[in-house]
Amino acid sequence: MPNPNPVQNEKLKAKQFKKVITPDGELAEKPCAVRLPKDIDGILRQFPDRNEFLREVITKAVKERVAG
């Protein structure tokens, strides 16, 4: 039976995903996912800013391909 009176404390709220707005605008509702070669995946997972880095690189590559 679900909790009829759920409570979200500050600790739980701190762990929730925050809405991200990039210089290119608001992010899509659904994520885009790809599998990478193991060596590249291992390197990327060491980046503290992995999501921002991938978002920047993918956005740049798509814009270059569409423009050119």
PDB file of N, CA and C in Angstrom:
ATOM      1  N   MET A   1       0.844  -1.177   0.000  1.00  0.00           N
ATOM      2  CA  MET A   1       0.000   0.000   0.000  1.00  0.00           C
ATOM      3  C   MET A   1       0.894   1.246   0.000  1.00  0.00           C
ATOM      4  N   PRO A   2       0.658   2.190  -0.904  1.00  0.00           N
ATOM      5  CA  PRO A   2       1.489   3.391  -0.965  1.00  0.00           C
ATOM      6  C   PRO A   2       1.274   4.286   0.258  1.00  0.00           C
ATOM      7  N   ASN A   3       2.267   5.087   0.526  1.00  0.00           N
ATOM      8  CA  ASN A   3       2.193   6.024   1.636  1.00  0.00           C
ATOM      9  C   ASN A   3       1.183   7.123   1.307  1.00  0.00           C
ATOM     10  N   PRO A   4       0.123   7.271   2.108  1.00  0.00           N
ATOM     11  CA  PRO A   4      -0.898   8.274   1.790  1.00  0.00           C
ATOM     12  C   PRO A   4      -0.426   9.715   2.059  1.00  0.00           C
ATOM     13  N   ASN A   5       0.608   9.875   2.864  1.00  0.00           N
ATOM     14  CA  ASN A   5       1.116  11.204   3.206  1.00  0.00           C
ATOM     15  C   ASN A   5       2.631  11.265   3.031  1.00  0.00           C
ATOM     16  N   PRO A   6       3.118  11.184   1.808  1.00  0.00           N
ATOM     17  CA  PRO A   6       4.569  11.190   1.616  1.00  0.00           C
ATOM     18  C   PRO A   6       5.176  12.546   1.998  1.00  0.00           C
ATOM     19  N   VAL A   7       6.387  12.487   2.547  1.00  0.00           N
ATOM     20  CA  VAL A   7       7.086  13.703   2.954  1.00  0.00           C
ATOM     21  C   VAL A   7       8.465  13.692   2.313  1.00  0.00           C
ATOM     22  N   GLN A   8       8.848  14.797   1.702  1.00  0.00           N
ATOM     23  CA  GLN A   8      10.177  14.924   1.120  1.00  0.00           C
ATOM     24  C   GLN A   8      10.994  15.842   2.019  1.00  0.00           C
ATOM     25  N   ASN A   9      11.945  15.248   2.734  1.00  0.00           N
ATOM     26  CA  ASN A   9      12.793  16.075   3.590  1.00  0.00           C
ATOM     27  C   ASN A   9      13.911  16.716   2.767  1.00  0.00           C
ATOM     28  N   GLU A  10      14.678  17.586   3.391  1.00  0.00           N
ATOM     29  CA  GLU A  10      15.729  18.324   2.687  1.00  0.00           C
ATOM     30  C   GLU A  10      16.808  17.392   2.135  1.00  0.00           C
ATOM     31  N   LYS A  11      17.121  16.324   2.857  1.00  0.00           N
ATOM     32  CA  LYS A  11      18.143  15.368   2.398  1.00  0.00           C
ATOM     33  C   LYS A  11      17.693  14.702   1.093  1.00  0.00           C
ATOM     34  N   LEU A  12      16.441  14.321   1.021  1.00  0.00           N
ATOM     35  CA  LEU A  12      15.911  13.702  -0.198  1.00  0.00           C
ATOM     36  C   LEU A  12      15.869  14.716  -1.340  1.00  0.00           C
ATOM     37  N   LYS A  13      15.431  15.925  -1.069  1.00  0.00           N
ATOM     38  CA  LYS A  13      15.348  16.960  -2.098  1.00  0.00           C
ATOM     39  C   LYS A  13      16.722  17.296  -2.665  1.00  0.00           C
ATOM     40  N   ALA A  14      17.756  17.240  -1.836  1.00  0.00           N
ATOM     41  CA  ALA A  14      19.116  17.560  -2.287  1.00  0.00           C
ATOM     42  C   ALA A  14      19.626  16.537  -3.294  1.00  0.00           C
ATOM     43  N   LYS A  15      19.117  15.314  -3.238  1.00  0.00           N
ATOM     44  CA  LYS A  15      19.572  14.259  -4.140  1.00  0.00           C
ATOM     45  C   LYS A  15      18.795  14.214  -5.455  1.00  0.00           C
ATOM     46  N   GLN A  16      17.713  14.958  -5.547  1.00  0.00           N
ATOM     47  CA  GLN A  16      16.907  14.947  -6.765  1.00  0.00           C
ATOM     48  C   GLN A  16      17.636  15.696  -7.873  1.00  0.00           C
ATOM     49  N   PHE A  17      17.343  15.295  -9.118  1.00  0.00           N
ATOM     50  CA  PHE A  17      17.942  15.966 -10.263  1.00  0.00           C
ATOM     51  C   PHE A  17      17.439  17.392 -10.357  1.00  0.00           C
ATOM     52  N   LYS A  18      18.330  18.278 -10.678  1.00  0.00           N
ATOM     53  CA  LYS A  18      17.980  19.675 -10.869  1.00  0.00           C
ATOM     54  C   LYS A  18      17.739  19.933 -12.354  1.00  0.00           C
ATOM     55  N   LYS A  19      16.821  20.836 -12.660  1.00  0.00           N
ATOM     56  CA  LYS A  19      16.556  21.203 -14.041  1.00  0.00           C
ATOM     57  C   LYS A  19      17.766  21.973 -14.559  1.00  0.00           C
ATOM     58  N   VAL A  20      18.291  21.547 -15.693  1.00  0.00           N
ATOM     59  CA  VAL A  20      19.481  22.163 -16.256  1.00  0.00           C
ATOM     60  C   VAL A  20      19.103  22.981 -17.483  1.00  0.00           C
ATOM     61  N   ILE A  21      19.558  24.204 -17.506  1.00  0.00           N
ATOM     62  CA  ILE A  21      19.362  25.036 -18.694  1.00  0.00           C
ATOM     63  C   ILE A  21      20.746  25.406 -19.208  1.00  0.00           C
ATOM     64  N   THR A  22      21.012  25.056 -20.437  1.00  0.00           N
ATOM     65  CA  THR A  22      22.312  25.297 -21.046  1.00  0.00           C
ATOM     66  C   THR A  22      22.273  26.577 -21.862  1.00  0.00           C
ATOM     67  N   PRO A  23      23.426  27.051 -22.325  1.00  0.00           N
ATOM     68  CA  PRO A  23      23.423  28.225 -23.204  1.00  0.00           C
ATOM     69  C   PRO A  23      22.599  28.001 -24.470  1.00  0.00           C
ATOM     70  N   ASP A  24      22.433  26.727 -24.851  1.00  0.00           N
ATOM     71  CA  ASP A  24      21.658  26.396 -26.045  1.00  0.00           C
ATOM     72  C   ASP A  24      20.175  26.213 -25.747  1.00  0.00           C
ATOM     73  N   GLY A  25      19.772  26.374 -24.494  1.00  0.00           N
ATOM     74  CA  GLY A  25      18.364  26.269 -24.141  1.00  0.00           C
ATOM     75  C   GLY A  25      18.095  25.130 -23.178  1.00  0.00           C
ATOM     76  N   GLU A  26      16.821  24.919 -22.923  1.00  0.00           N
ATOM     77  CA  GLU A  26      16.390  23.886 -21.989  1.00  0.00           C
ATOM     78  C   GLU A  26      16.653  22.497 -22.583  1.00  0.00           C
ATOM     79  N   LEU A  27      16.931  21.546 -21.714  1.00  0.00           N
ATOM     80  CA  LEU A  27      17.242  20.195 -22.169  1.00  0.00           C
ATOM     81  C   LEU A  27      15.976  19.414 -22.525  1.00  0.00           C
ATOM     82  N   ALA A  28      16.136  18.425 -23.377  1.00  0.00           N
ATOM     83  CA  ALA A  28      15.032  17.559 -23.793  1.00  0.00           C
ATOM     84  C   ALA A  28      14.537  16.747 -22.600  1.00  0.00           C
ATOM     85  N   GLU A  29      13.288  16.314 -22.677  1.00  0.00           N
ATOM     86  CA  GLU A  29      12.704  15.515 -21.603  1.00  0.00           C
ATOM     87  C   GLU A  29      13.338  14.122 -21.526  1.00  0.00           C
ATOM     88  N   LYS A  30      13.644  13.535 -22.693  1.00  0.00           N
ATOM     89  CA  LYS A  30      14.205  12.183 -22.721  1.00  0.00           C
ATOM     90  C   LYS A  30      15.695  12.240 -23.036  1.00  0.00           C
ATOM     91  N   PRO A  31      16.501  11.467 -22.312  1.00  0.00           N
ATOM     92  CA  PRO A  31      17.934  11.447 -22.603  1.00  0.00           C
ATOM     93  C   PRO A  31      18.240  10.631 -23.859  1.00  0.00           C
ATOM     94  N   CYS A  32      19.349  10.928 -24.468  1.00  0.00           N
ATOM     95  CA  CYS A  32      19.846  10.182 -25.612  1.00  0.00           C
ATOM     96  C   CYS A  32      21.037   9.373 -25.098  1.00  0.00           C
ATOM     97  N   ALA A  33      21.057   8.078 -25.338  1.00  0.00           N
ATOM     98  CA  ALA A  33      22.114   7.239 -24.783  1.00  0.00           C
ATOM     99  C   ALA A  33      22.807   6.442 -25.883  1.00  0.00           C
ATOM    100  N   VAL A  34      24.113   6.262 -25.738  1.00  0.00           N
ATOM    101  CA  VAL A  34      24.892   5.455 -26.672  1.00  0.00           C
ATOM    102  C   VAL A  34      25.886   4.607 -25.892  1.00  0.00           C
ATOM    103  N   ARG A  35      26.247   3.486 -26.469  1.00  0.00           N
ATOM    104  CA  ARG A  35      27.313   2.662 -25.900  1.00  0.00           C
ATOM    105  C   ARG A  35      28.614   3.077 -26.557  1.00  0.00           C
ATOM    106  N   LEU A  36      29.661   3.150 -25.752  1.00  0.00           N
ATOM    107  CA  LEU A  36      30.965   3.573 -26.248  1.00  0.00           C
ATOM    108  C   LEU A  36      31.969   2.442 -26.097  1.00  0.00           C
ATOM    109  N   PRO A  37      33.082   2.512 -26.847  1.00  0.00           N
ATOM    110  CA  PRO A  37      34.140   1.522 -26.633  1.00  0.00           C
ATOM    111  C   PRO A  37      34.604   1.564 -25.168  1.00  0.00           C
ATOM    112  N   LYS A  38      34.982   0.418 -24.632  1.00  0.00           N
ATOM    113  CA  LYS A  38      35.347   0.316 -23.218  1.00  0.00           C
ATOM    114  C   LYS A  38      36.435   1.298 -22.805  1.00  0.00           C
ATOM    115  N   ASP A  39      37.445   1.489 -23.661  1.00  0.00           N
ATOM    116  CA  ASP A  39      38.538   2.387 -23.272  1.00  0.00           C
ATOM    117  C   ASP A  39      38.064   3.832 -23.171  1.00  0.00           C
ATOM    118  N   ILE A  40      37.214   4.257 -24.092  1.00  0.00           N
ATOM    119  CA  ILE A  40      36.681   5.621 -24.065  1.00  0.00           C
ATOM    120  C   ILE A  40      35.743   5.788 -22.871  1.00  0.00           C
ATOM    121  N   ASP A  41      34.899   4.807 -22.638  1.00  0.00           N
ATOM    122  CA  ASP A  41      33.984   4.844 -21.506  1.00  0.00           C
ATOM    123  C   ASP A  41      34.758   4.977 -20.194  1.00  0.00           C
ATOM    124  N   GLY A  42      35.827   4.230 -20.066  1.00  0.00           N
ATOM    125  CA  GLY A  42      36.642   4.300 -18.853  1.00  0.00           C
ATOM    126  C   GLY A  42      37.234   5.679 -18.628  1.00  0.00           C
ATOM    127  N   ILE A  43      37.678   6.306 -19.704  1.00  0.00           N
ATOM    128  CA  ILE A  43      38.244   7.652 -19.602  1.00  0.00           C
ATOM    129  C   ILE A  43      37.156   8.654 -19.222  1.00  0.00           C
ATOM    130  N   LEU A  44      36.020   8.585 -19.920  1.00  0.00           N
ATOM    131  CA  LEU A  44      34.936   9.536 -19.656  1.00  0.00           C
ATOM    132  C   LEU A  44      34.422   9.448 -18.227  1.00  0.00           C
ATOM    133  N   ARG A  45      34.359   8.255 -17.685  1.00  0.00           N
ATOM    134  CA  ARG A  45      33.823   8.079 -16.331  1.00  0.00           C
ATOM    135  C   ARG A  45      34.730   8.691 -15.266  1.00  0.00           C
ATOM    136  N   GLN A  46      35.947   9.030 -15.633  1.00  0.00           N
ATOM    137  CA  GLN A  46      36.858   9.693 -14.699  1.00  0.00           C
ATOM    138  C   GLN A  46      36.656  11.206 -14.686  1.00  0.00           C
ATOM    139  N   PHE A  47      35.948  11.736 -15.673  1.00  0.00           N
ATOM    140  CA  PHE A  47      35.721  13.183 -15.745  1.00  0.00           C
ATOM    141  C   PHE A  47      34.713  13.599 -14.673  1.00  0.00           C
ATOM    142  N   PRO A  48      35.037  14.584 -13.853  1.00  0.00           N
ATOM    143  CA  PRO A  48      34.058  15.040 -12.856  1.00  0.00           C
ATOM    144  C   PRO A  48      32.868  15.764 -13.496  1.00  0.00           C
ATOM    145  N   ASP A  49      33.075  16.332 -14.683  1.00  0.00           N
ATOM    146  CA  ASP A  49      32.021  17.070 -15.381  1.00  0.00           C
ATOM    147  C   ASP A  49      31.583  16.340 -16.646  1.00  0.00           C
ATOM    148  N   ARG A  50      31.514  15.021 -16.563  1.00  0.00           N
ATOM    149  CA  ARG A  50      31.248  14.171 -17.725  1.00  0.00           C
ATOM    150  C   ARG A  50      29.996  14.594 -18.498  1.00  0.00           C
ATOM    151  N   ASN A  51      28.887  14.832 -17.809  1.00  0.00           N
ATOM    152  CA  ASN A  51      27.648  15.178 -18.507  1.00  0.00           C
ATOM    153  C   ASN A  51      27.776  16.479 -19.278  1.00  0.00           C
ATOM    154  N   GLU A  52      28.343  17.488 -18.648  1.00  0.00           N
ATOM    155  CA  GLU A  52      28.501  18.778 -19.310  1.00  0.00           C
ATOM    156  C   GLU A  52      29.448  18.656 -20.505  1.00  0.00           C
ATOM    157  N   PHE A  53      30.535  17.901 -20.318  1.00  0.00           N
ATOM    158  CA  PHE A  53      31.497  17.701 -21.395  1.00  0.00           C
ATOM    159  C   PHE A  53      30.837  17.022 -22.592  1.00  0.00           C
ATOM    160  N   LEU A  54      30.140  15.928 -22.356  1.00  0.00           N
ATOM    161  CA  LEU A  54      29.485  15.202 -23.450  1.00  0.00           C
ATOM    162  C   LEU A  54      28.422  16.059 -24.124  1.00  0.00           C
ATOM    163  N   ARG A  55      27.662  16.795 -23.332  1.00  0.00           N
ATOM    164  CA  ARG A  55      26.628  17.669 -23.890  1.00  0.00           C
ATOM    165  C   ARG A  55      27.255  18.700 -24.820  1.00  0.00           C
ATOM    166  N   GLU A  56      28.368  19.288 -24.391  1.00  0.00           N
ATOM    167  CA  GLU A  56      29.052  20.307 -25.196  1.00  0.00           C
ATOM    168  C   GLU A  56      29.615  19.723 -26.487  1.00  0.00           C
ATOM    169  N   VAL A  57      30.293  18.580 -26.387  1.00  0.00           N
ATOM    170  CA  VAL A  57      30.924  17.956 -27.552  1.00  0.00           C
ATOM    171  C   VAL A  57      29.876  17.485 -28.558  1.00  0.00           C
ATOM    172  N   ILE A  58      28.818  16.853 -28.082  1.00  0.00           N
ATOM    173  CA  ILE A  58      27.778  16.359 -28.983  1.00  0.00           C
ATOM    174  C   ILE A  58      27.058  17.517 -29.653  1.00  0.00           C
ATOM    175  N   THR A  59      26.731  18.556 -28.890  1.00  0.00           N
ATOM    176  CA  THR A  59      26.048  19.719 -29.461  1.00  0.00           C
ATOM    177  C   THR A  59      26.889  20.353 -30.553  1.00  0.00           C
ATOM    178  N   LYS A  60      28.174  20.517 -30.293  1.00  0.00           N
ATOM    179  CA  LYS A  60      29.078  21.114 -31.279  1.00  0.00           C
ATOM    180  C   LYS A  60      29.139  20.260 -32.550  1.00  0.00           C
ATOM    181  N   ALA A  61      29.275  18.935 -32.390  1.00  0.00           N
ATOM    182  CA  ALA A  61      29.387  18.041 -33.540  1.00  0.00           C
ATOM    183  C   ALA A  61      28.113  18.058 -34.390  1.00  0.00           C
ATOM    184  N   VAL A  62      26.968  18.056 -33.733  1.00  0.00           N
ATOM    185  CA  VAL A  62      25.696  18.070 -34.476  1.00  0.00           C
ATOM    186  C   VAL A  62      25.539  19.387 -35.231  1.00  0.00           C
ATOM    187  N   LYS A  63      25.838  20.495 -34.579  1.00  0.00           N
ATOM    188  CA  LYS A  63      25.726  21.798 -35.256  1.00  0.00           C
ATOM    189  C   LYS A  63      26.673  21.891 -36.453  1.00  0.00           C
ATOM    190  N   GLU A  64      27.895  21.355 -36.319  1.00  0.00           N
ATOM    191  CA  GLU A  64      28.848  21.364 -37.441  1.00  0.00           C
ATOM    192  C   GLU A  64      28.346  20.503 -38.588  1.00  0.00           C
ATOM    193  N   ARG A  65      27.787  19.361 -38.280  1.00  0.00           N
ATOM    194  CA  ARG A  65      27.303  18.462 -39.331  1.00  0.00           C
ATOM    195  C   ARG A  65      26.098  19.055 -40.057  1.00  0.00           C
ATOM    196  N   VAL A  66      25.200  19.675 -39.304  1.00  0.00           N
ATOM    197  CA  VAL A  66      24.019  20.289 -39.913  1.00  0.00           C
ATOM    198  C   VAL A  66      24.421  21.482 -40.752  1.00  0.00           C
ATOM    199  N   ALA A  67      25.380  22.276 -40.286  1.00  0.00           N
ATOM    200  CA  ALA A  67      25.803  23.471 -41.006  1.00  0.00           C
ATOM    201  C   ALA A  67      26.650  23.126 -42.233  1.00  0.00           C
ATOM    202  N   GLY A  68      27.361  22.026 -42.167  1.00  0.00           N
ATOM    203  CA  GLY A  68      28.305  21.759 -43.248  1.00  0.00           C
ATOM    204  C   GLY A  68      27.931  20.625 -44.079  1.00  0.00           C
TER     205      GLY A  68
END
